[in-house]
Structures are given as C-alpha cells and as structure tokens.
C-alpha cells in the first residue's frame, strides 16, 4: 500500500471512529454527550448515524487533502531519457 493510501485510510478511520464513538456514547450516557442536528438534540439510535456522518464527512475531506500532499512529496523522480 502506498504512503498516500495509508494516510487516507488512517485519517478517515480515525475521524469516522471518533464520530461513531460520539454516537455510541450518546446512546449509553445521554447526559454526558450531546449530539445535535439542525439545532435539536438527537437521542437514541439516530445519534449513532448523526455521529458517524459528522465524523465521516470532515474526515473524508481531510484525508483526501492529506493523501494528496503525501502523494506529491513521495512521488518518484523521472530518469532522463537516453539518446
């Protein structure tokens, strides 16, 4: 796996996992964590979906950006053509 792909997978996985953890924490301890959607508190199993997507969407953008930077800095150099 290329370094850019590893970067993409790690950042996306961490962001998605953090959002999922937020949603699960809201299910088990609603007073400890608040998940809001359109300025309304979301409770129950819907909080898992809201938490998951609130971690997934920014994580996707950040991981694409970071993977692009890693791909630019780790690409190979072209050898000069032989005559």
C-alpha atoms as a PDB file:
ATOM      1  CA  UNK A   1       0.000   0.000   0.000  1.00  0.00           C
ATOM      2  CA  UNK A   2       1.383   3.418  -0.916  1.00  0.00           C
ATOM      3  CA  UNK A   3       2.075   6.019   1.780  1.00  0.00           C
ATOM      4  CA  UNK A   4      -0.705   8.238   0.402  1.00  0.00           C
ATOM      5  CA  UNK A   5      -3.244   5.433   0.635  1.00  0.00           C
ATOM      6  CA  UNK A   6      -2.113   4.588   4.175  1.00  0.00           C
ATOM      7  CA  UNK A   7      -2.533   8.231   5.156  1.00  0.00           C
ATOM      8  CA  UNK A   8      -6.014   8.317   3.638  1.00  0.00           C
ATOM      9  CA  UNK A   9      -7.150   5.151   5.417  1.00  0.00           C
ATOM     10  CA  UNK A  10      -5.721   6.147   8.810  1.00  0.00           C
ATOM     11  CA  UNK A  11      -7.159   9.659   8.882  1.00  0.00           C
ATOM     12  CA  UNK A  12     -10.548   8.569   7.557  1.00  0.00           C
ATOM     13  CA  UNK A  13     -10.669   5.683  10.031  1.00  0.00           C
ATOM     14  CA  UNK A  14      -9.783   7.885  12.997  1.00  0.00           C
ATOM     15  CA  UNK A  15     -12.334  10.567  12.107  1.00  0.00           C
ATOM     16  CA  UNK A  16     -15.092   8.032  11.447  1.00  0.00           C
ATOM     17  CA  UNK A  17     -14.261   6.145  14.628  1.00  0.00           C
ATOM     18  CA  UNK A  18     -14.388   9.336  16.663  1.00  0.00           C
ATOM     19  CA  UNK A  19     -17.828  10.197  15.277  1.00  0.00           C
ATOM     20  CA  UNK A  20     -19.067   6.668  15.900  1.00  0.00           C
ATOM     21  CA  UNK A  21     -17.723   6.786  19.449  1.00  0.00           C
ATOM     22  CA  UNK A  22     -19.606  10.042  19.993  1.00  0.00           C
ATOM     23  CA  UNK A  23     -22.862   8.468  18.799  1.00  0.00           C
ATOM     24  CA  UNK A  24     -22.430   5.335  20.905  1.00  0.00           C
ATOM     25  CA  UNK A  25     -21.572   7.410  23.979  1.00  0.00           C
ATOM     26  CA  UNK A  26     -24.806   9.335  23.487  1.00  0.00           C
ATOM     27  CA  UNK A  27     -26.806   6.099  23.460  1.00  0.00           C
ATOM     28  CA  UNK A  28     -25.324   4.832  26.732  1.00  0.00           C
ATOM     29  CA  UNK A  29     -24.908   8.162  28.559  1.00  0.00           C
ATOM     30  CA  UNK A  30     -27.141  10.845  27.012  1.00  0.00           C
ATOM     31  CA  UNK A  31     -26.268  13.385  29.717  1.00  0.00           C
ATOM     32  CA  UNK A  32     -22.522  13.075  29.112  1.00  0.00           C
ATOM     33  CA  UNK A  33     -22.525  13.800  25.365  1.00  0.00           C
ATOM     34  CA  UNK A  34     -24.860  15.878  23.253  1.00  0.00           C
ATOM     35  CA  UNK A  35     -25.362  15.232  19.549  1.00  0.00           C
ATOM     36  CA  UNK A  36     -27.263  17.950  17.705  1.00  0.00           C
ATOM     37  CA  UNK A  37     -28.744  18.010  14.222  1.00  0.00           C
ATOM     38  CA  UNK A  38     -30.309  21.255  12.958  1.00  0.00           C
ATOM     39  CA  UNK A  39     -30.032  22.710  16.469  1.00  0.00           C
ATOM     40  CA  UNK A  40     -32.081  19.892  18.016  1.00  0.00           C
ATOM     41  CA  UNK A  41     -30.716  17.200  20.304  1.00  0.00           C
ATOM     42  CA  UNK A  42     -30.708  13.751  18.739  1.00  0.00           C
ATOM     43  CA  UNK A  43     -31.249  10.786  21.039  1.00  0.00           C
ATOM     44  CA  UNK A  44     -31.312   7.035  20.705  1.00  0.00           C
ATOM     45  CA  UNK A  45     -30.081   5.136  17.684  1.00  0.00           C
ATOM     46  CA  UNK A  46     -30.340   8.196  15.452  1.00  0.00           C
ATOM     47  CA  UNK A  47     -27.432   9.707  17.370  1.00  0.00           C
ATOM     48  CA  UNK A  48     -25.192   6.905  16.082  1.00  0.00           C
ATOM     49  CA  UNK A  49     -25.939   7.854  12.464  1.00  0.00           C
ATOM     50  CA  UNK A  50     -25.529  11.572  13.099  1.00  0.00           C
ATOM     51  CA  UNK A  51     -22.260  10.991  14.951  1.00  0.00           C
ATOM     52  CA  UNK A  52     -20.993   8.662  12.246  1.00  0.00           C
ATOM     53  CA  UNK A  53     -21.673  11.079   9.407  1.00  0.00           C
ATOM     54  CA  UNK A  54     -20.406  14.073  11.372  1.00  0.00           C
ATOM     55  CA  UNK A  55     -17.067  12.273  11.631  1.00  0.00           C
ATOM     56  CA  UNK A  56     -17.145  10.761   8.147  1.00  0.00           C
ATOM     57  CA  UNK A  57     -17.709  13.880   6.048  1.00  0.00           C
ATOM     58  CA  UNK A  58     -14.944  16.093   7.520  1.00  0.00           C
ATOM     59  CA  UNK A  59     -12.696  13.036   7.776  1.00  0.00           C
ATOM     60  CA  UNK A  60     -13.157  12.351   4.076  1.00  0.00           C
ATOM     61  CA  UNK A  61     -12.196  15.903   3.137  1.00  0.00           C
ATOM     62  CA  UNK A  62      -9.211  15.999   5.489  1.00  0.00           C
ATOM     63  CA  UNK A  63      -7.934  12.572   4.447  1.00  0.00           C
ATOM     64  CA  UNK A  64      -8.155  13.418   0.730  1.00  0.00           C
ATOM     65  CA  UNK A  65      -6.236  16.629   1.351  1.00  0.00           C
ATOM     66  CA  UNK A  66      -3.549  14.898   3.435  1.00  0.00           C
ATOM     67  CA  UNK A  67      -3.219  11.984   0.992  1.00  0.00           C
ATOM     68  CA  UNK A  68      -2.732  14.447  -1.866  1.00  0.00           C
ATOM     69  CA  UNK A  69       0.075  16.185  -0.010  1.00  0.00           C
ATOM     70  CA  UNK A  70       1.742  12.869   0.834  1.00  0.00           C
ATOM     71  CA  UNK A  71       1.423  11.728  -2.794  1.00  0.00           C
ATOM     72  CA  UNK A  72       3.119  14.892  -4.035  1.00  0.00           C
ATOM     73  CA  UNK A  73       6.062  14.579  -1.664  1.00  0.00           C
ATOM     74  CA  UNK A  74       6.607  10.823  -2.090  1.00  0.00           C
ATOM     75  CA  UNK A  75       6.353  10.514  -5.857  1.00  0.00           C
ATOM     76  CA  UNK A  76       9.316   9.138  -7.770  1.00  0.00           C
ATOM     77  CA  UNK A  77      11.643  11.204  -9.902  1.00  0.00           C
ATOM     78  CA  UNK A  78      11.733  10.723 -13.655  1.00  0.00           C
ATOM     79  CA  UNK A  79      15.024   9.499 -15.094  1.00  0.00           C
ATOM     80  CA  UNK A  80      16.439  11.431 -18.033  1.00  0.00           C
ATOM     81  CA  UNK A  81      15.846   9.847 -21.435  1.00  0.00           C
ATOM     82  CA  UNK A  82      18.749   8.022 -23.086  1.00  0.00           C
ATOM     83  CA  UNK A  83      19.711   9.008 -26.630  1.00  0.00           C
END
